[in-house]
């Protein structure tokens, strides 16, 4: 059963717990959706584009998580959302090109 997802931002431990839930990462996706809404509002990304970006990122989520975990992310000083932000910037760049 899914637990209630707390609004972004939360602690590194909270984000790691969402990753470790595994499965379809529904709780992590809900949490990151809150983050993406903030990013899209700050970058004035229109709704159709934001939906494409979100879908692209969520399709890549297992790979993003694997890279974060294999790169020692849990042992570093940054949170998963900080790591994820690089992928957001890449998607926004692709949109601009």
PDB file of N, CA and C in Angstrom:
ATOM      1  N   UNK A   1       0.847  -1.185   0.000  1.00  0.00           N
ATOM      2  CA  UNK A   1       0.000   0.000   0.000  1.00  0.00           C
ATOM      3  C   UNK A   1       0.886   1.239   0.000  1.00  0.00           C
ATOM      4  N   UNK A   2       0.519   2.223  -0.805  1.00  0.00           N
ATOM      5  CA  UNK A   2       1.308   3.440  -0.891  1.00  0.00           C
ATOM      6  C   UNK A   2       1.123   4.290   0.351  1.00  0.00           C
ATOM      7  N   UNK A   3       2.228   4.869   0.783  1.00  0.00           N
ATOM      8  CA  UNK A   3       2.147   5.775   1.919  1.00  0.00           C
ATOM      9  C   UNK A   3       1.953   7.200   1.410  1.00  0.00           C
ATOM     10  N   UNK A   4       1.543   8.063   2.300  1.00  0.00           N
ATOM     11  CA  UNK A   4       1.370   9.461   1.927  1.00  0.00           C
ATOM     12  C   UNK A   4       2.728  10.070   1.624  1.00  0.00           C
ATOM     13  N   UNK A   5       2.831  10.737   0.508  1.00  0.00           N
ATOM     14  CA  UNK A   5       4.082  11.350   0.097  1.00  0.00           C
ATOM     15  C   UNK A   5       4.115  12.781   0.617  1.00  0.00           C
ATOM     16  N   UNK A   6       5.204  13.089   1.291  1.00  0.00           N
ATOM     17  CA  UNK A   6       5.391  14.430   1.847  1.00  0.00           C
ATOM     18  C   UNK A   6       5.873  15.350   0.727  1.00  0.00           C
ATOM     19  N   UNK A   7       5.489  16.595   0.795  1.00  0.00           N
ATOM     20  CA  UNK A   7       5.860  17.576  -0.216  1.00  0.00           C
ATOM     21  C   UNK A   7       7.368  17.784  -0.280  1.00  0.00           C
ATOM     22  N   UNK A   8       7.831  18.138  -1.449  1.00  0.00           N
ATOM     23  CA  UNK A   8       9.219  18.479  -1.695  1.00  0.00           C
ATOM     24  C   UNK A   8       9.505  19.826  -1.039  1.00  0.00           C
ATOM     25  N   UNK A   9      10.657  20.060  -0.478  1.00  0.00           N
ATOM     26  CA  UNK A   9      11.825  19.205  -0.310  1.00  0.00           C
ATOM     27  C   UNK A   9      11.808  18.484   1.034  1.00  0.00           C
ATOM     28  N   UNK A  10      12.480  17.354   1.059  1.00  0.00           N
ATOM     29  CA  UNK A  10      12.638  16.575   2.285  1.00  0.00           C
ATOM     30  C   UNK A  10      14.106  16.185   2.435  1.00  0.00           C
ATOM     31  N   UNK A  11      14.376  15.451   3.476  1.00  0.00           N
ATOM     32  CA  UNK A  11      15.752  15.085   3.790  1.00  0.00           C
ATOM     33  C   UNK A  11      16.313  14.046   2.822  1.00  0.00           C
ATOM     34  N   UNK A  12      17.616  13.919   2.844  1.00  0.00           N
ATOM     35  CA  UNK A  12      18.314  12.911   2.053  1.00  0.00           C
ATOM     36  C   UNK A  12      17.813  11.510   2.415  1.00  0.00           C
ATOM     37  N   UNK A  13      17.599  11.268   3.705  1.00  0.00           N
ATOM     38  CA  UNK A  13      17.124   9.957   4.157  1.00  0.00           C
ATOM     39  C   UNK A  13      15.718   9.658   3.639  1.00  0.00           C
ATOM     40  N   UNK A  14      14.858  10.662   3.619  1.00  0.00           N
ATOM     41  CA  UNK A  14      13.501  10.471   3.099  1.00  0.00           C
ATOM     42  C   UNK A  14      13.556  10.088   1.623  1.00  0.00           C
ATOM     43  N   UNK A  15      14.355  10.817   0.855  1.00  0.00           N
ATOM     44  CA  UNK A  15      14.461  10.527  -0.573  1.00  0.00           C
ATOM     45  C   UNK A  15      15.044   9.134  -0.801  1.00  0.00           C
ATOM     46  N   UNK A  16      16.039   8.755  -0.028  1.00  0.00           N
ATOM     47  CA  UNK A  16      16.635   7.426  -0.164  1.00  0.00           C
ATOM     48  C   UNK A  16      15.607   6.335   0.155  1.00  0.00           C
ATOM     49  N   UNK A  17      14.772   6.567   1.155  1.00  0.00           N
ATOM     50  CA  UNK A  17      13.723   5.595   1.496  1.00  0.00           C
ATOM     51  C   UNK A  17      12.748   5.418   0.334  1.00  0.00           C
ATOM     52  N   UNK A  18      12.442   6.492  -0.371  1.00  0.00           N
ATOM     53  CA  UNK A  18      11.554   6.391  -1.538  1.00  0.00           C
ATOM     54  C   UNK A  18      12.208   5.567  -2.644  1.00  0.00           C
ATOM     55  N   UNK A  19      13.501   5.740  -2.823  1.00  0.00           N
ATOM     56  CA  UNK A  19      14.225   4.967  -3.834  1.00  0.00           C
ATOM     57  C   UNK A  19      14.217   3.490  -3.477  1.00  0.00           C
ATOM     58  N   UNK A  20      14.472   3.210  -2.210  1.00  0.00           N
ATOM     59  CA  UNK A  20      14.602   1.824  -1.772  1.00  0.00           C
ATOM     60  C   UNK A  20      13.278   1.074  -1.765  1.00  0.00           C
ATOM     61  N   UNK A  21      12.154   1.787  -1.868  1.00  0.00           N
ATOM     62  CA  UNK A  21      10.856   1.122  -1.978  1.00  0.00           C
ATOM     63  C   UNK A  21      10.782   0.298  -3.254  1.00  0.00           C
ATOM     64  N   UNK A  22      11.492   0.758  -4.291  1.00  0.00           N
ATOM     65  CA  UNK A  22      11.536   0.011  -5.545  1.00  0.00           C
ATOM     66  C   UNK A  22      10.196  -0.082  -6.223  1.00  0.00           C
ATOM     67  N   UNK A  23       9.954  -1.216  -6.865  1.00  0.00           N
ATOM     68  CA  UNK A  23       8.696  -1.421  -7.576  1.00  0.00           C
ATOM     69  C   UNK A  23       8.532  -0.457  -8.727  1.00  0.00           C
ATOM     70  N   UNK A  24       7.371   0.161  -8.789  1.00  0.00           N
ATOM     71  CA  UNK A  24       7.100   1.121  -9.857  1.00  0.00           C
ATOM     72  C   UNK A  24       7.484   2.549  -9.465  1.00  0.00           C
ATOM     73  N   UNK A  25       8.047   2.696  -8.270  1.00  0.00           N
ATOM     74  CA  UNK A  25       8.515   4.000  -7.765  1.00  0.00           C
ATOM     75  C   UNK A  25       7.403   5.047  -7.728  1.00  0.00           C
ATOM     76  N   UNK A  26       6.182   4.608  -7.489  1.00  0.00           N
ATOM     77  CA  UNK A  26       5.054   5.536  -7.495  1.00  0.00           C
ATOM     78  C   UNK A  26       5.228   6.664  -6.472  1.00  0.00           C
ATOM     79  N   UNK A  27       5.643   6.339  -5.257  1.00  0.00           N
ATOM     80  CA  UNK A  27       5.829   7.379  -4.244  1.00  0.00           C
ATOM     81  C   UNK A  27       6.953   8.333  -4.624  1.00  0.00           C
ATOM     82  N   UNK A  28       8.027   7.800  -5.195  1.00  0.00           N
ATOM     83  CA  UNK A  28       9.124   8.650  -5.642  1.00  0.00           C
ATOM     84  C   UNK A  28       8.655   9.553  -6.774  1.00  0.00           C
ATOM     85  N   UNK A  29       7.886   9.022  -7.705  1.00  0.00           N
ATOM     86  CA  UNK A  29       7.369   9.829  -8.809  1.00  0.00           C
ATOM     87  C   UNK A  29       6.448  10.934  -8.300  1.00  0.00           C
ATOM     88  N   UNK A  30       5.605  10.632  -7.320  1.00  0.00           N
ATOM     89  CA  UNK A  30       4.733  11.663  -6.743  1.00  0.00           C
ATOM     90  C   UNK A  30       5.558  12.760  -6.090  1.00  0.00           C
ATOM     91  N   UNK A  31       6.577  12.359  -5.353  1.00  0.00           N
ATOM     92  CA  UNK A  31       7.464  13.317  -4.699  1.00  0.00           C
ATOM     93  C   UNK A  31       8.187  14.185  -5.734  1.00  0.00           C
ATOM     94  N   UNK A  32       8.757  13.538  -6.760  1.00  0.00           N
ATOM     95  CA  UNK A  32       9.481  14.286  -7.784  1.00  0.00           C
ATOM     96  C   UNK A  32       8.553  15.147  -8.625  1.00  0.00           C
ATOM     97  N   UNK A  33       7.295  14.760  -8.754  1.00  0.00           N
ATOM     98  CA  UNK A  33       6.328  15.598  -9.463  1.00  0.00           C
ATOM     99  C   UNK A  33       6.183  16.951  -8.779  1.00  0.00           C
ATOM    100  N   UNK A  34       6.215  16.941  -7.452  1.00  0.00           N
ATOM    101  CA  UNK A  34       6.160  18.208  -6.715  1.00  0.00           C
ATOM    102  C   UNK A  34       7.372  19.075  -7.050  1.00  0.00           C
ATOM    103  N   UNK A  35       8.542  18.447  -7.124  1.00  0.00           N
ATOM    104  CA  UNK A  35       9.771  19.152  -7.474  1.00  0.00           C
ATOM    105  C   UNK A  35       9.680  19.699  -8.898  1.00  0.00           C
ATOM    106  N   UNK A  36       9.217  18.877  -9.825  1.00  0.00           N
ATOM    107  CA  UNK A  36       9.115  19.309 -11.216  1.00  0.00           C
ATOM    108  C   UNK A  36       8.159  20.488 -11.383  1.00  0.00           C
ATOM    109  N   UNK A  37       7.074  20.508 -10.628  1.00  0.00           N
ATOM    110  CA  UNK A  37       6.149  21.644 -10.695  1.00  0.00           C
ATOM    111  C   UNK A  37       6.855  22.939 -10.329  1.00  0.00           C
ATOM    112  N   UNK A  38       7.703  22.885  -9.323  1.00  0.00           N
ATOM    113  CA  UNK A  38       8.464  24.065  -8.906  1.00  0.00           C
ATOM    114  C   UNK A  38       9.408  24.496 -10.028  1.00  0.00           C
ATOM    115  N   UNK A  39      10.148  23.539 -10.582  1.00  0.00           N
ATOM    116  CA  UNK A  39      11.093  23.837 -11.661  1.00  0.00           C
ATOM    117  C   UNK A  39      10.370  24.427 -12.861  1.00  0.00           C
ATOM    118  N   UNK A  40       9.279  23.818 -13.254  1.00  0.00           N
ATOM    119  CA  UNK A  40       8.557  24.290 -14.436  1.00  0.00           C
ATOM    120  C   UNK A  40       7.977  25.682 -14.217  1.00  0.00           C
ATOM    121  N   UNK A  41       7.515  25.974 -13.023  1.00  0.00           N
ATOM    122  CA  UNK A  41       6.983  27.313 -12.772  1.00  0.00           C
ATOM    123  C   UNK A  41       8.100  28.361 -12.790  1.00  0.00           C
ATOM    124  N   UNK A  42       9.279  27.978 -12.307  1.00  0.00           N
ATOM    125  CA  UNK A  42      10.401  28.922 -12.288  1.00  0.00           C
ATOM    126  C   UNK A  42      11.017  29.126 -13.666  1.00  0.00           C
ATOM    127  N   UNK A  43      10.892  28.128 -14.525  1.00  0.00           N
ATOM    128  CA  UNK A  43      11.461  28.240 -15.873  1.00  0.00           C
ATOM    129  C   UNK A  43      10.414  28.603 -16.920  1.00  0.00           C
ATOM    130  N   UNK A  44       9.188  28.824 -16.471  1.00  0.00           N
ATOM    131  CA  UNK A  44       8.080  29.176 -17.365  1.00  0.00           C
ATOM    132  C   UNK A  44       7.889  28.147 -18.486  1.00  0.00           C
ATOM    133  N   UNK A  45       8.052  26.886 -18.151  1.00  0.00           N
ATOM    134  CA  UNK A  45       7.849  25.809 -19.118  1.00  0.00           C
ATOM    135  C   UNK A  45       6.348  25.595 -19.289  1.00  0.00           C
ATOM    136  N   UNK A  46       5.887  25.574 -20.547  1.00  0.00           N
ATOM    137  CA  UNK A  46       4.444  25.424 -20.749  1.00  0.00           C
ATOM    138  C   UNK A  46       4.003  23.989 -20.465  1.00  0.00           C
ATOM    139  N   UNK A  47       2.728  23.819 -20.246  1.00  0.00           N
ATOM    140  CA  UNK A  47       2.181  22.541 -19.776  1.00  0.00           C
ATOM    141  C   UNK A  47       2.472  21.365 -20.708  1.00  0.00           C
ATOM    142  N   UNK A  48       2.228  21.470 -22.011  1.00  0.00           N
ATOM    143  CA  UNK A  48       2.531  20.304 -22.867  1.00  0.00           C
ATOM    144  C   UNK A  48       4.012  19.909 -22.797  1.00  0.00           C
ATOM    145  N   UNK A  49       4.900  20.900 -22.788  1.00  0.00           N
ATOM    146  CA  UNK A  49       6.323  20.602 -22.693  1.00  0.00           C
ATOM    147  C   UNK A  49       6.673  19.983 -21.353  1.00  0.00           C
ATOM    148  N   UNK A  50       6.074  20.486 -20.283  1.00  0.00           N
ATOM    149  CA  UNK A  50       6.378  19.950 -18.961  1.00  0.00           C
ATOM    150  C   UNK A  50       5.920  18.497 -18.843  1.00  0.00           C
ATOM    151  N   UNK A  51       4.822  18.164 -19.478  1.00  0.00           N
ATOM    152  CA  UNK A  51       4.341  16.778 -19.439  1.00  0.00           C
ATOM    153  C   UNK A  51       5.277  15.845 -20.209  1.00  0.00           C
ATOM    154  N   UNK A  52       5.793  16.315 -21.335  1.00  0.00           N
ATOM    155  CA  UNK A  52       6.753  15.520 -22.110  1.00  0.00           C
ATOM    156  C   UNK A  52       8.029  15.313 -21.302  1.00  0.00           C
ATOM    157  N   UNK A  53       8.526  16.364 -20.694  1.00  0.00           N
ATOM    158  CA  UNK A  53       9.743  16.273 -19.881  1.00  0.00           C
ATOM    159  C   UNK A  53       9.532  15.316 -18.719  1.00  0.00           C
ATOM    160  N   UNK A  54       8.423  15.468 -18.014  1.00  0.00           N
ATOM    161  CA  UNK A  54       8.131  14.581 -16.880  1.00  0.00           C
ATOM    162  C   UNK A  54       8.091  13.123 -17.332  1.00  0.00           C
ATOM    163  N   UNK A  55       7.387  12.867 -18.425  1.00  0.00           N
ATOM    164  CA  UNK A  55       7.285  11.494 -18.929  1.00  0.00           C
ATOM    165  C   UNK A  55       8.651  10.935 -19.323  1.00  0.00           C
ATOM    166  N   UNK A  56       9.464  11.750 -19.992  1.00  0.00           N
ATOM    167  CA  UNK A  56      10.806  11.316 -20.374  1.00  0.00           C
ATOM    168  C   UNK A  56      11.639  10.971 -19.147  1.00  0.00           C
ATOM    169  N   UNK A  57      11.590  11.833 -18.142  1.00  0.00           N
ATOM    170  CA  UNK A  57      12.358  11.597 -16.920  1.00  0.00           C
ATOM    171  C   UNK A  57      11.868  10.360 -16.184  1.00  0.00           C
ATOM    172  N   UNK A  58      10.572  10.195 -16.096  1.00  0.00           N
ATOM    173  CA  UNK A  58      10.044   9.044 -15.376  1.00  0.00           C
ATOM    174  C   UNK A  58      10.317   7.739 -16.118  1.00  0.00           C
ATOM    175  N   UNK A  59      10.379   7.786 -17.447  1.00  0.00           N
ATOM    176  CA  UNK A  59      10.763   6.605 -18.210  1.00  0.00           C
ATOM    177  C   UNK A  59      12.220   6.226 -17.955  1.00  0.00           C
ATOM    178  N   UNK A  60      13.042   7.229 -17.708  1.00  0.00           N
ATOM    179  CA  UNK A  60      14.467   7.008 -17.439  1.00  0.00           C
ATOM    180  C   UNK A  60      14.763   6.778 -15.960  1.00  0.00           C
ATOM    181  N   UNK A  61      13.762   6.870 -15.116  1.00  0.00           N
ATOM    182  CA  UNK A  61      13.974   6.827 -13.668  1.00  0.00           C
ATOM    183  C   UNK A  61      14.770   5.613 -13.190  1.00  0.00           C
ATOM    184  N   UNK A  62      14.485   4.398 -13.644  1.00  0.00           N
ATOM    185  CA  UNK A  62      15.296   3.262 -13.172  1.00  0.00           C
ATOM    186  C   UNK A  62      16.790   3.425 -13.482  1.00  0.00           C
ATOM    187  N   UNK A  63      17.094   3.968 -14.654  1.00  0.00           N
ATOM    188  CA  UNK A  63      18.497   4.195 -15.027  1.00  0.00           C
ATOM    189  C   UNK A  63      19.100   5.299 -14.162  1.00  0.00           C
ATOM    190  N   UNK A  64      18.350   6.361 -13.938  1.00  0.00           N
ATOM    191  CA  UNK A  64      18.832   7.467 -13.107  1.00  0.00           C
ATOM    192  C   UNK A  64      19.120   6.971 -11.696  1.00  0.00           C
ATOM    193  N   UNK A  65      18.218   6.178 -11.160  1.00  0.00           N
ATOM    194  CA  UNK A  65      18.405   5.630  -9.806  1.00  0.00           C
ATOM    195  C   UNK A  65      19.628   4.726  -9.769  1.00  0.00           C
ATOM    196  N   UNK A  66      19.768   3.858 -10.766  1.00  0.00           N
ATOM    197  CA  UNK A  66      20.917   2.944 -10.818  1.00  0.00           C
ATOM    198  C   UNK A  66      22.231   3.719 -10.849  1.00  0.00           C
ATOM    199  N   UNK A  67      22.288   4.768 -11.640  1.00  0.00           N
ATOM    200  CA  UNK A  67      23.512   5.583 -11.720  1.00  0.00           C
ATOM    201  C   UNK A  67      23.786   6.294 -10.395  1.00  0.00           C
ATOM    202  N   UNK A  68      22.736   6.776  -9.769  1.00  0.00           N
ATOM    203  CA  UNK A  68      22.888   7.431  -8.461  1.00  0.00           C
ATOM    204  C   UNK A  68      23.429   6.442  -7.435  1.00  0.00           C
ATOM    205  N   UNK A  69      22.841   5.263  -7.397  1.00  0.00           N
ATOM    206  CA  UNK A  69      23.239   4.262  -6.407  1.00  0.00           C
ATOM    207  C   UNK A  69      24.641   3.722  -6.697  1.00  0.00           C
ATOM    208  N   UNK A  70      24.933   3.403  -7.954  1.00  0.00           N
ATOM    209  CA  UNK A  70      26.232   2.827  -8.290  1.00  0.00           C
ATOM    210  C   UNK A  70      27.355   3.848  -8.191  1.00  0.00           C
ATOM    211  N   UNK A  71      27.018   5.111  -8.308  1.00  0.00           N
ATOM    212  CA  UNK A  71      28.013   6.174  -8.166  1.00  0.00           C
ATOM    213  C   UNK A  71      28.250   6.568  -6.722  1.00  0.00           C
ATOM    214  N   UNK A  72      27.655   5.841  -5.801  1.00  0.00           N
ATOM    215  CA  UNK A  72      27.854   6.129  -4.384  1.00  0.00           C
ATOM    216  C   UNK A  72      26.998   7.254  -3.854  1.00  0.00           C
ATOM    217  N   UNK A  73      25.959   7.611  -4.589  1.00  0.00           N
ATOM    218  CA  UNK A  73      25.085   8.717  -4.191  1.00  0.00           C
ATOM    219  C   UNK A  73      24.641   8.698  -2.746  1.00  0.00           C
ATOM    220  N   UNK A  74      24.218   7.545  -2.225  1.00  0.00           N
ATOM    221  CA  UNK A  74      23.769   7.527  -0.831  1.00  0.00           C
ATOM    222  C   UNK A  74      24.859   7.903   0.173  1.00  0.00           C
ATOM    223  N   UNK A  75      26.116   7.754  -0.223  1.00  0.00           N
ATOM    224  CA  UNK A  75      27.224   8.065   0.678  1.00  0.00           C
ATOM    225  C   UNK A  75      27.790   9.459   0.457  1.00  0.00           C
ATOM    226  N   UNK A  76      27.247  10.181  -0.484  1.00  0.00           N
ATOM    227  CA  UNK A  76      27.743  11.530  -0.779  1.00  0.00           C
ATOM    228  C   UNK A  76      26.899  12.564  -0.049  1.00  0.00           C
ATOM    229  N   UNK A  77      27.321  13.795  -0.142  1.00  0.00           N
ATOM    230  CA  UNK A  77      26.672  14.874   0.611  1.00  0.00           C
ATOM    231  C   UNK A  77      25.408  15.431  -0.046  1.00  0.00           C
ATOM    232  N   UNK A  78      25.060  14.956  -1.228  1.00  0.00           N
ATOM    233  CA  UNK A  78      23.886  15.508  -1.900  1.00  0.00           C
ATOM    234  C   UNK A  78      22.726  14.523  -1.902  1.00  0.00           C
ATOM    235  N   UNK A  79      21.551  15.083  -2.099  1.00  0.00           N
ATOM    236  CA  UNK A  79      20.332  14.281  -2.125  1.00  0.00           C
ATOM    237  C   UNK A  79      20.068  13.787  -3.542  1.00  0.00           C
ATOM    238  N   UNK A  80      19.172  12.812  -3.643  1.00  0.00           N
ATOM    239  CA  UNK A  80      18.792  12.303  -4.956  1.00  0.00           C
ATOM    240  C   UNK A  80      18.199  13.417  -5.806  1.00  0.00           C
ATOM    241  N   UNK A  81      17.409  14.293  -5.220  1.00  0.00           N
ATOM    242  CA  UNK A  81      16.789  15.375  -5.992  1.00  0.00           C
ATOM    243  C   UNK A  81      17.842  16.294  -6.601  1.00  0.00           C
ATOM    244  N   UNK A  82      18.964  16.475  -5.929  1.00  0.00           N
ATOM    245  CA  UNK A  82      20.053  17.271  -6.506  1.00  0.00           C
ATOM    246  C   UNK A  82      20.639  16.565  -7.722  1.00  0.00           C
ATOM    247  N   UNK A  83      20.825  15.269  -7.606  1.00  0.00           N
ATOM    248  CA  UNK A  83      21.317  14.469  -8.723  1.00  0.00           C
ATOM    249  C   UNK A  83      20.295  14.498  -9.864  1.00  0.00           C
ATOM    250  N   UNK A  84      19.046  14.343  -9.541  1.00  0.00           N
ATOM    251  CA  UNK A  84      17.956  14.336 -10.516  1.00  0.00           C
ATOM    252  C   UNK A  84      17.872  15.679 -11.248  1.00  0.00           C
ATOM    253  N   UNK A  85      18.238  16.759 -10.583  1.00  0.00           N
ATOM    254  CA  UNK A  85      18.141  18.081 -11.198  1.00  0.00           C
ATOM    255  C   UNK A  85      19.015  18.201 -12.444  1.00  0.00           C
ATOM    256  N   UNK A  86      20.147  17.466 -12.480  1.00  0.00           N
ATOM    257  CA  UNK A  86      20.982  17.485 -13.678  1.00  0.00           C
ATOM    258  C   UNK A  86      20.197  16.916 -14.861  1.00  0.00           C
ATOM    259  N   UNK A  87      19.456  15.853 -14.626  1.00  0.00           N
ATOM    260  CA  UNK A  87      18.650  15.251 -15.685  1.00  0.00           C
ATOM    261  C   UNK A  87      17.529  16.194 -16.126  1.00  0.00           C
ATOM    262  N   UNK A  88      16.985  16.941 -15.196  1.00  0.00           N
ATOM    263  CA  UNK A  88      15.970  17.946 -15.555  1.00  0.00           C
ATOM    264  C   UNK A  88      16.588  18.974 -16.490  1.00  0.00           C
ATOM    265  N   UNK A  89      17.769  19.454 -16.131  1.00  0.00           N
ATOM    266  CA  UNK A  89      18.421  20.475 -16.962  1.00  0.00           C
ATOM    267  C   UNK A  89      18.712  19.946 -18.361  1.00  0.00           C
ATOM    268  N   UNK A  90      19.076  18.666 -18.463  1.00  0.00           N
ATOM    269  CA  UNK A  90      19.323  18.072 -19.779  1.00  0.00           C
ATOM    270  C   UNK A  90      18.048  18.025 -20.613  1.00  0.00           C
ATOM    271  N   UNK A  91      16.943  17.685 -19.995  1.00  0.00           N
ATOM    272  CA  UNK A  91      15.665  17.644 -20.707  1.00  0.00           C
ATOM    273  C   UNK A  91      15.236  19.054 -21.132  1.00  0.00           C
ATOM    274  N   UNK A  92      15.456  20.028 -20.285  1.00  0.00           N
ATOM    275  CA  UNK A  92      15.110  21.408 -20.643  1.00  0.00           C
ATOM    276  C   UNK A  92      15.986  21.900 -21.810  1.00  0.00           C
ATOM    277  N   UNK A  93      17.261  21.521 -21.809  1.00  0.00           N
ATOM    278  CA  UNK A  93      18.152  21.887 -22.909  1.00  0.00           C
ATOM    279  C   UNK A  93      17.680  21.275 -24.214  1.00  0.00           C
ATOM    280  N   UNK A  94      17.296  20.002 -24.167  1.00  0.00           N
ATOM    281  CA  UNK A  94      16.804  19.344 -25.383  1.00  0.00           C
ATOM    282  C   UNK A  94      15.574  20.049 -25.932  1.00  0.00           C
ATOM    283  N   UNK A  95      14.751  20.521 -25.014  1.00  0.00           N
ATOM    284  CA  UNK A  95      13.536  21.228 -25.418  1.00  0.00           C
ATOM    285  C   UNK A  95      13.881  22.534 -26.142  1.00  0.00           C
ATOM    286  N   UNK A  96      14.928  23.203 -25.684  1.00  0.00           N
ATOM    287  CA  UNK A  96      15.339  24.478 -26.284  1.00  0.00           C
ATOM    288  C   UNK A  96      15.983  24.310 -27.654  1.00  0.00           C
ATOM    289  N   UNK A  97      16.509  23.134 -27.904  1.00  0.00           N
ATOM    290  CA  UNK A  97      17.227  22.904 -29.197  1.00  0.00           C
ATOM    291  C   UNK A  97      16.327  22.385 -30.259  1.00  0.00           C
TER     292      UNK A  97
END
